[in-house]
Amino acid sequence: MGAGDGAAVGAQAVRGSPFPVLISSKDCPVKILIPILGFGRAGGYRVLSELANAWIRGGHDVVFLCPDSSDEPYFPTKARIIWVDGAGTISEERCNKAKPGGRYHLQALFYGLKAIGRQYDVIFANHSLTAWPVALVSCGKAKKVYYVQAYEPEYYASSKTIKGYLLAIVSALSYHFPLKKIVNSPIYFRYKNLRAWDFVPPGVDLAIFKPTEPRRNVETTETIIIGCIGRHEPEKGTIYVLRAFDELYKKDKRFLLRVAYGNLPGGWQHERCEIVVPKNDLELADYYRSLDILVAPGTTQHGAPHYPVLEGLACGCAVVTTGYMGATPDTAWIVENRNAQSIVCAINQLVMDFEERSTKMNHGLTALRSFSWDSVADRMLLIMLDVHPDK
């Protein structure tokens, strides 16, 4: 039975949850096609894999449509993958080992949607460039959904290159397509030229990202470990963590900086800086649990979901951030944007105040219970099927 036949669905609110826990019927499976430009390692690809896995657990049929030049999925998925080449040839096996340009990827998706799009109840665009073929290719009665995980024009324009400015224009135009837009945070309901009315946040695998007991007591430890995710991009704000650490270490030699994935800007280095490269989610969760303090210093789109904040809270970290979903004055230390000194002050405060630190960390763990993947995936499904859980 497809989406057009209707589905028995319902929703119930859970006290303290930022959104309802939703229950969808498994008696009415929905066929969902997710076209992507290629599998990657960024957090947005984790979201797609986890949504697909949760929908499959709910009895639905989920397929990725992907150019055959892509790598295999980095984030494991139970969904079937249909590979398509630049001429529109469909295959269950990935054969192309070459790395053609973006035009090849878009052409492959256009042809692939023409070939199989009509077989599905929902076509799930998830990136500004995938929105173009989804909007322009006729897919019969399929519902066309556009899940916006960030305001992409800002990121493209920040490169300050001709290509970046062109991609910024292309992505901004995608928000005007007649697709059902779902954003991952209310901040995008009216954000520049983006307009939306429904939101679904990303989820967290709470079976993996969970705290270790007992927690370390920073008042008595010989080493206080600060962590951050290393990123080159200026908007990620890594440089402000490095500057803050420099100042903290000058006054207290117990501090150690542990950076996930490296990618330190400007060749920065320090004798008390360690680089950790997690190979999977289990190792990433271990990384978070090894920290006393996690700093997430992004400089743009505050209030949006940010995986380090969500995962750090779920692992019981004391989180210092410029302000992303999950972080509130009750759960984290909110610091000024682009301000290393503000980070220094917050870390000094949380190190000295055991009661405040314990209270905020406990509130963070409670808040993250609402972000299970099954709840998030059910909410997305209900909205895609025009059953609005918040009304």
Protein backbone atom coordinates (compact mmCIF):
# COMPACT_ATOMS: atom_id res chain seq x y z
CA MET A 1 0.00 0.00 0.00
CA GLY A 2 1.42 3.39 -0.92
CA ALA A 3 1.26 6.81 0.65
CA GLY A 4 -1.64 7.76 -1.57
CA ASP A 5 -3.81 5.13 0.15
CA GLY A 6 -3.49 6.89 3.51
CA ALA A 7 -1.85 5.69 6.69
CA ALA A 8 -3.11 5.19 10.21
CA VAL A 9 -0.86 7.41 12.26
CA GLY A 10 -0.94 9.16 15.59
CA ALA A 11 1.16 11.22 17.95
CA GLN A 12 1.51 11.63 21.66
CA ALA A 13 3.40 14.30 23.57
CA VAL A 14 6.01 13.36 26.16
CA ARG A 15 6.57 15.78 29.02
CA GLY A 16 9.84 17.70 28.65
CA SER A 17 10.33 16.67 25.03
CA PRO A 18 11.08 19.34 22.41
CA PHE A 19 8.78 17.50 20.02
CA PRO A 20 6.20 14.71 20.34
CA VAL A 21 7.13 11.05 20.27
CA LEU A 22 5.31 9.79 17.20
CA ILE A 23 3.87 6.41 16.45
CA SER A 24 3.25 5.40 12.82
CA SER A 25 1.41 2.34 11.58
CA LYS A 26 3.49 -0.55 10.28
CA ASP A 27 0.43 -1.86 8.43
CA CYS A 28 0.81 0.71 5.66
CA PRO A 29 4.38 0.61 4.27
CA VAL A 30 5.59 3.63 2.35
CA LYS A 31 8.06 3.46 -0.54
CA ILE A 32 10.71 6.17 -0.12
CA LEU A 33 13.42 7.08 -2.63
CA ILE A 34 16.40 9.13 -1.44
CA PRO A 35 18.46 10.56 -4.34
CA ILE A 36 21.96 11.69 -3.32
CA LEU A 37 24.98 13.04 -5.16
CA GLY A 38 27.21 10.53 -3.39
CA PHE A 39 27.82 9.04 0.03
CA GLY A 40 30.05 11.11 2.30
CA ARG A 41 31.28 11.43 5.87
CA ALA A 42 29.59 14.69 6.87
CA GLY A 43 26.87 14.61 9.51
CA GLY A 44 24.11 15.08 6.94
CA TYR A 45 24.87 11.66 5.47
CA ARG A 46 24.60 10.08 8.90
CA VAL A 47 21.11 11.60 9.16
CA LEU A 48 20.05 10.01 5.86
CA SER A 49 21.41 6.57 6.80
CA GLU A 50 19.80 6.64 10.23
CA LEU A 51 16.43 7.86 8.92
CA ALA A 52 16.49 5.08 6.33
CA ASN A 53 17.37 2.48 8.96
CA ALA A 54 14.58 3.64 11.27
CA TRP A 55 12.00 3.65 8.46
CA ILE A 56 13.03 0.13 7.48
CA ARG A 57 12.63 -0.98 11.12
CA GLY A 58 9.12 0.47 10.85
CA GLY A 59 8.33 -1.78 7.89
CA HIS A 60 8.80 0.76 5.08
CA ASP A 61 10.70 0.32 1.80
CA VAL A 62 13.66 2.73 1.48
CA VAL A 63 16.07 2.99 -1.45
CA PHE A 64 19.03 5.29 -2.12
CA LEU A 65 19.50 6.44 -5.72
CA CYS A 66 23.16 7.29 -6.18
CA PRO A 67 25.60 7.97 -9.05
CA ASP A 68 27.82 4.96 -9.59
CA SER A 69 30.95 7.07 -9.11
CA SER A 70 30.26 7.45 -5.37
CA ASP A 71 32.08 5.58 -2.65
CA GLU A 72 30.20 2.99 -0.61
CA PRO A 73 28.29 4.40 2.38
CA TYR A 74 30.51 5.53 5.26
CA PHE A 75 27.55 5.43 7.66
CA PRO A 76 26.00 1.92 7.55
CA THR A 77 22.55 1.66 6.04
CA LYS A 78 20.07 -1.20 5.74
CA ALA A 79 18.50 0.48 2.72
CA ARG A 80 18.94 -0.91 -0.78
CA ILE A 81 21.17 1.16 -3.08
CA ILE A 82 20.40 1.65 -6.76
CA TRP A 83 23.40 2.91 -8.71
CA VAL A 84 22.99 4.94 -11.89
CA ASP A 85 25.57 6.13 -14.41
CA GLY A 86 25.72 9.28 -16.51
CA ALA A 87 23.74 7.61 -19.31
CA GLY A 88 20.93 6.50 -17.00
CA THR A 89 21.87 2.82 -16.75
CA ILE A 90 20.51 1.36 -13.51
CA SER A 91 22.44 -1.28 -11.57
CA GLU A 92 22.40 -3.01 -8.21
CA GLU A 93 26.21 -3.10 -8.29
CA ARG A 94 28.62 -0.17 -8.23
CA CYS A 95 30.96 -0.51 -11.18
CA ASN A 96 32.41 2.94 -11.86
CA LYS A 97 35.65 3.61 -9.96
CA ALA A 98 36.32 6.94 -11.68
CA LYS A 99 35.71 10.32 -10.06
CA PRO A 100 33.87 12.47 -12.62
CA GLY A 101 32.73 16.01 -11.89
CA GLY A 102 29.48 17.40 -10.55
CA ARG A 103 27.80 17.51 -13.93
CA TYR A 104 28.02 13.70 -14.15
CA HIS A 105 26.36 13.33 -10.74
CA LEU A 106 23.46 15.61 -11.60
CA GLN A 107 22.97 14.00 -15.00
CA ALA A 108 22.91 10.56 -13.39
CA LEU A 109 20.24 11.65 -10.91
CA PHE A 110 18.09 13.22 -13.64
CA TYR A 111 18.16 10.00 -15.66
CA GLY A 112 17.72 7.82 -12.59
CA LEU A 113 14.64 9.71 -11.41
CA LYS A 114 13.11 9.51 -14.87
CA ALA A 115 13.65 5.75 -14.85
CA ILE A 116 12.34 4.81 -11.40
CA GLY A 117 10.86 7.89 -9.68
CA ARG A 118 7.25 6.94 -10.44
CA GLN A 119 7.63 3.69 -8.49
CA TYR A 120 7.81 5.52 -5.13
CA ASP A 121 5.41 7.27 -2.78
CA VAL A 122 7.94 9.82 -1.55
CA ILE A 123 11.01 11.37 -3.23
CA PHE A 124 13.26 12.75 -0.50
CA ALA A 125 15.57 15.56 -1.67
CA ASN A 126 18.16 16.37 0.96
CA HIS A 127 20.64 18.84 -0.55
CA SER A 128 20.24 21.94 -2.72
CA LEU A 129 21.72 20.18 -5.76
CA THR A 130 19.50 17.11 -5.37
CA ALA A 131 16.48 19.43 -5.14
CA TRP A 132 16.96 20.44 -8.79
CA PRO A 133 16.41 17.01 -10.40
CA VAL A 134 13.69 16.16 -7.85
CA ALA A 135 11.81 19.36 -8.72
CA LEU A 136 12.29 19.18 -12.49
CA VAL A 137 11.69 15.47 -13.19
CA SER A 138 8.10 14.24 -13.28
CA CYS A 139 7.63 11.40 -10.79
CA GLY A 140 3.91 10.74 -11.13
CA LYS A 141 1.96 10.99 -7.88
CA ALA A 142 5.03 10.77 -5.62
CA LYS A 143 5.19 13.36 -2.85
CA LYS A 144 8.31 15.48 -3.28
CA VAL A 145 9.98 16.48 -0.02
CA TYR A 146 13.02 18.72 0.48
CA TYR A 147 14.79 18.23 3.82
CA VAL A 148 16.94 21.31 4.45
CA GLN A 149 19.76 20.51 6.88
CA ALA A 150 21.49 23.90 6.69
CA TYR A 151 21.26 27.19 4.83
CA GLU A 152 23.79 26.16 2.18
CA PRO A 153 24.30 29.53 0.40
CA GLU A 154 26.19 30.87 3.43
CA TYR A 155 28.68 28.02 3.34
CA TYR A 156 29.26 28.26 -0.40
CA ALA A 157 29.66 32.06 -0.34
CA SER A 158 32.16 31.85 2.53
CA SER A 159 34.75 30.35 0.13
CA LYS A 160 34.79 33.73 -1.71
CA THR A 161 35.45 32.06 -5.07
CA ILE A 162 33.54 32.34 -8.34
CA LYS A 163 32.47 28.70 -8.03
CA GLY A 164 31.35 29.32 -4.46
CA TYR A 165 29.24 32.32 -5.40
CA LEU A 166 27.64 30.40 -8.29
CA LEU A 167 26.78 27.48 -5.99
CA ALA A 168 25.39 29.94 -3.45
CA ILE A 169 23.00 31.28 -6.11
CA VAL A 170 22.03 27.79 -7.25
CA SER A 171 21.33 26.65 -3.68
CA ALA A 172 19.36 29.82 -2.83
CA LEU A 173 17.17 29.27 -5.90
CA SER A 174 16.41 25.70 -4.78
CA TYR A 175 14.37 27.06 -1.85
CA HIS A 176 11.82 28.45 -4.30
CA PHE A 177 10.94 25.09 -5.86
CA PRO A 178 7.38 23.81 -5.19
CA LEU A 179 8.64 21.05 -2.89
CA LYS A 180 7.40 20.31 0.61
CA LYS A 181 10.20 21.84 2.67
CA ILE A 182 11.10 20.40 6.07
CA VAL A 183 13.93 22.05 8.00
CA ASN A 184 15.98 20.63 10.86
CA SER A 185 15.49 23.63 13.16
CA PRO A 186 12.85 26.33 13.69
CA ILE A 187 15.53 28.97 13.00
CA TYR A 188 15.10 28.17 9.31
CA PHE A 189 11.34 28.83 9.19
CA ARG A 190 12.09 32.38 8.01
CA TYR A 191 15.80 32.49 7.28
CA LYS A 192 16.80 34.90 4.53
CA ASN A 193 15.02 33.59 1.41
CA LEU A 194 14.15 30.21 2.96
CA ARG A 195 10.55 29.67 4.11
CA ALA A 196 9.27 26.52 5.80
CA TRP A 197 6.58 25.47 8.29
CA ASP A 198 7.71 22.04 9.52
CA PHE A 199 10.87 20.95 11.28
CA VAL A 200 12.45 17.62 12.18
CA PRO A 201 15.76 17.62 14.06
CA PRO A 202 18.46 15.00 13.52
CA GLY A 203 18.57 12.09 15.92
CA VAL A 204 21.26 10.52 18.06
CA ASP A 205 21.96 6.82 18.57
CA LEU A 206 21.57 6.76 22.32
CA ALA A 207 22.75 3.15 22.50
CA ILE A 208 26.19 4.33 21.33
CA PHE A 209 26.39 7.93 22.54
CA LYS A 210 25.92 7.51 26.27
CA PRO A 211 27.90 8.50 29.36
CA THR A 212 30.40 6.50 31.32
CA GLU A 213 29.90 6.20 35.04
CA PRO A 214 31.38 7.31 37.29
CA ARG A 215 32.35 10.65 35.78
CA ARG A 216 35.76 12.18 36.26
CA ASN A 217 35.99 14.93 38.85
CA VAL A 218 37.99 17.78 37.30
CA GLU A 219 38.73 19.28 40.73
CA THR A 220 40.89 16.29 41.63
CA THR A 221 42.29 15.12 38.27
CA GLU A 222 45.86 15.81 37.25
CA THR A 223 44.71 16.50 33.68
CA ILE A 224 41.68 18.49 32.50
CA ILE A 225 40.90 17.42 28.94
CA ILE A 226 39.31 19.93 26.55
CA GLY A 227 38.07 18.64 23.20
CA CYS A 228 36.81 20.00 19.91
CA ILE A 229 36.22 18.76 16.38
CA GLY A 230 39.01 20.11 14.19
CA ARG A 231 37.82 21.88 11.03
CA HIS A 232 39.62 24.16 8.58
CA GLU A 233 36.53 26.16 7.61
CA PRO A 234 36.47 29.58 9.33
CA GLU A 235 32.75 29.29 10.12
CA LYS A 236 33.46 26.24 12.31
CA GLY A 237 35.37 28.48 14.72
CA THR A 238 38.16 26.03 15.61
CA ILE A 239 40.70 28.84 15.86
CA TYR A 240 38.87 30.30 18.87
CA VAL A 241 39.24 27.05 20.80
CA LEU A 242 42.97 27.02 20.03
CA ARG A 243 43.39 30.60 21.22
CA ALA A 244 41.40 29.89 24.36
CA PHE A 245 43.49 26.81 25.10
CA ASP A 246 46.70 28.80 24.73
CA GLU A 247 45.55 31.18 27.45
CA LEU A 248 44.18 28.46 29.73
CA TYR A 249 47.38 26.42 29.56
CA LYS A 250 49.58 29.41 30.39
CA LYS A 251 47.81 29.69 33.75
CA ASP A 252 47.12 26.03 34.51
CA LYS A 253 49.37 23.25 33.20
CA ARG A 254 46.72 20.60 33.89
CA PHE A 255 44.89 21.48 30.67
CA LEU A 256 45.26 19.20 27.66
CA LEU A 257 43.61 19.71 24.25
CA ARG A 258 42.32 16.65 22.39
CA VAL A 259 41.21 17.44 18.82
CA ALA A 260 39.17 14.97 16.79
CA TYR A 261 40.26 14.50 13.16
CA GLY A 262 43.01 17.13 13.20
CA ASN A 263 42.38 19.71 10.47
CA LEU A 264 43.93 22.47 12.59
CA PRO A 265 43.94 25.86 10.85
CA GLY A 266 47.12 27.68 9.95
CA GLY A 267 49.51 24.90 10.92
CA TRP A 268 48.76 25.47 14.62
CA GLN A 269 50.48 23.13 17.04
CA HIS A 270 51.04 22.83 20.79
CA GLU A 271 52.99 20.45 23.00
CA ARG A 272 49.79 19.66 24.93
CA CYS A 273 47.60 18.98 21.91
CA GLU A 274 46.64 15.45 20.89
CA ILE A 275 45.01 14.45 17.60
CA VAL A 276 42.47 11.62 17.66
CA VAL A 277 40.95 10.15 14.50
CA PRO A 278 37.84 8.08 15.31
CA LYS A 279 37.15 5.45 12.66
CA ASN A 280 33.45 4.97 13.45
CA ASP A 281 30.67 6.02 15.81
CA LEU A 282 31.86 3.70 18.58
CA GLU A 283 35.27 5.33 18.56
CA LEU A 284 33.73 8.79 18.28
CA ALA A 285 31.61 8.11 21.37
CA ASP A 286 34.75 6.93 23.17
CA TYR A 287 36.39 10.20 22.17
CA TYR A 288 33.58 12.27 23.69
CA ARG A 289 33.68 10.19 26.88
CA SER A 290 37.42 10.81 27.17
CA LEU A 291 36.79 14.56 27.50
CA ASP A 292 36.00 16.66 30.52
CA ILE A 293 34.89 19.61 28.39
CA LEU A 294 33.70 19.78 24.77
CA VAL A 295 33.83 23.12 22.94
CA ALA A 296 31.64 23.66 19.86
CA PRO A 297 32.52 27.19 18.63
CA GLY A 298 30.71 27.49 15.28
CA THR A 299 30.19 31.06 14.10
CA THR A 300 27.02 30.82 11.97
CA GLN A 301 23.40 29.60 12.05
CA HIS A 302 23.18 29.38 15.81
CA GLY A 303 20.19 27.39 17.04
CA ALA A 304 20.61 24.86 14.25
CA PRO A 305 21.46 21.22 15.02
CA HIS A 306 25.15 20.54 15.44
CA TYR A 307 26.21 16.94 15.98
CA PRO A 308 29.12 17.57 18.34
CA VAL A 309 26.75 19.38 20.72
CA LEU A 310 24.07 16.67 20.58
CA GLU A 311 26.53 13.79 20.85
CA GLY A 312 28.60 15.50 23.52
CA LEU A 313 25.53 16.11 25.68
CA ALA A 314 24.42 12.51 25.18
CA CYS A 315 27.84 11.30 26.34
CA GLY A 316 27.70 13.41 29.48
CA CYS A 317 30.22 16.07 28.48
CA ALA A 318 30.29 19.56 29.91
CA VAL A 319 29.53 21.45 26.69
CA VAL A 320 30.71 24.98 25.92
CA THR A 321 29.22 26.37 22.71
CA THR A 322 28.21 29.47 20.83
CA GLY A 323 24.67 28.02 20.85
CA TYR A 324 23.27 25.09 18.86
CA MET A 325 20.26 22.82 19.23
CA GLY A 326 20.33 20.91 22.50
CA ALA A 327 22.43 23.57 24.20
CA THR A 328 20.46 25.90 26.46
CA PRO A 329 21.43 27.80 29.63
CA ASP A 330 20.15 24.73 31.51
CA THR A 331 22.29 22.19 29.64
CA ALA A 332 25.47 23.98 28.51
CA TRP A 333 27.65 27.06 28.81
CA ILE A 334 26.71 29.50 26.03
CA VAL A 335 29.59 31.77 25.01
CA GLU A 336 29.92 34.83 22.79
CA ASN A 337 30.50 34.30 19.08
CA ARG A 338 34.08 34.57 17.79
CA ASN A 339 35.36 35.26 21.30
CA ALA A 340 38.18 33.14 22.70
CA GLN A 341 38.12 35.03 26.00
CA SER A 342 34.47 34.11 26.51
CA ILE A 343 35.44 30.43 26.11
CA VAL A 344 38.22 30.89 28.67
CA CYS A 345 35.81 32.40 31.20
CA ALA A 346 33.22 29.64 30.72
CA ILE A 347 35.80 26.87 31.17
CA ASN A 348 37.25 28.47 34.28
CA GLN A 349 33.74 28.81 35.71
CA LEU A 350 32.68 25.22 35.07
CA VAL A 351 35.95 23.82 36.42
CA MET A 352 35.44 25.67 39.71
CA ASP A 353 31.70 25.04 40.20
CA PHE A 354 30.97 21.34 40.76
CA GLU A 355 27.27 21.84 41.50
CA GLU A 356 26.55 23.88 38.35
CA ARG A 357 28.57 21.50 36.23
CA SER A 358 26.77 18.42 37.54
CA THR A 359 23.33 20.03 37.17
CA LYS A 360 23.84 21.12 33.57
CA MET A 361 25.32 17.79 32.53
CA ASN A 362 22.35 15.92 34.03
CA HIS A 363 19.89 18.25 32.30
CA GLY A 364 21.73 17.63 29.02
CA LEU A 365 21.34 13.88 29.38
CA THR A 366 17.62 14.28 30.07
CA ALA A 367 17.10 16.58 27.08
CA LEU A 368 18.78 14.15 24.67
CA ARG A 369 16.36 11.32 25.45
CA SER A 370 13.92 12.94 23.01
CA PHE A 371 16.32 12.64 20.08
CA SER A 372 16.14 8.88 19.51
CA TRP A 373 16.19 7.95 15.82
CA ASP A 374 12.87 6.11 15.91
CA SER A 375 11.08 9.19 17.28
CA VAL A 376 12.76 11.49 14.77
CA ALA A 377 12.03 9.17 11.82
CA ASP A 378 8.37 8.80 12.82
CA ARG A 379 7.99 12.56 13.02
CA MET A 380 9.52 12.95 9.55
CA LEU A 381 7.23 10.29 8.09
CA LEU A 382 4.09 11.87 9.52
CA ILE A 383 5.00 15.28 8.12
CA MET A 384 5.85 13.80 4.72
CA LEU A 385 2.41 12.19 4.68
CA ASP A 386 0.76 15.52 5.62
CA VAL A 387 -0.16 14.39 9.12
CA HIS A 388 1.04 17.34 11.19
CA PRO A 389 2.04 16.18 14.70
CA ASP A 390 2.19 19.67 16.17
CA LYS A 391 -1.39 20.60 15.26
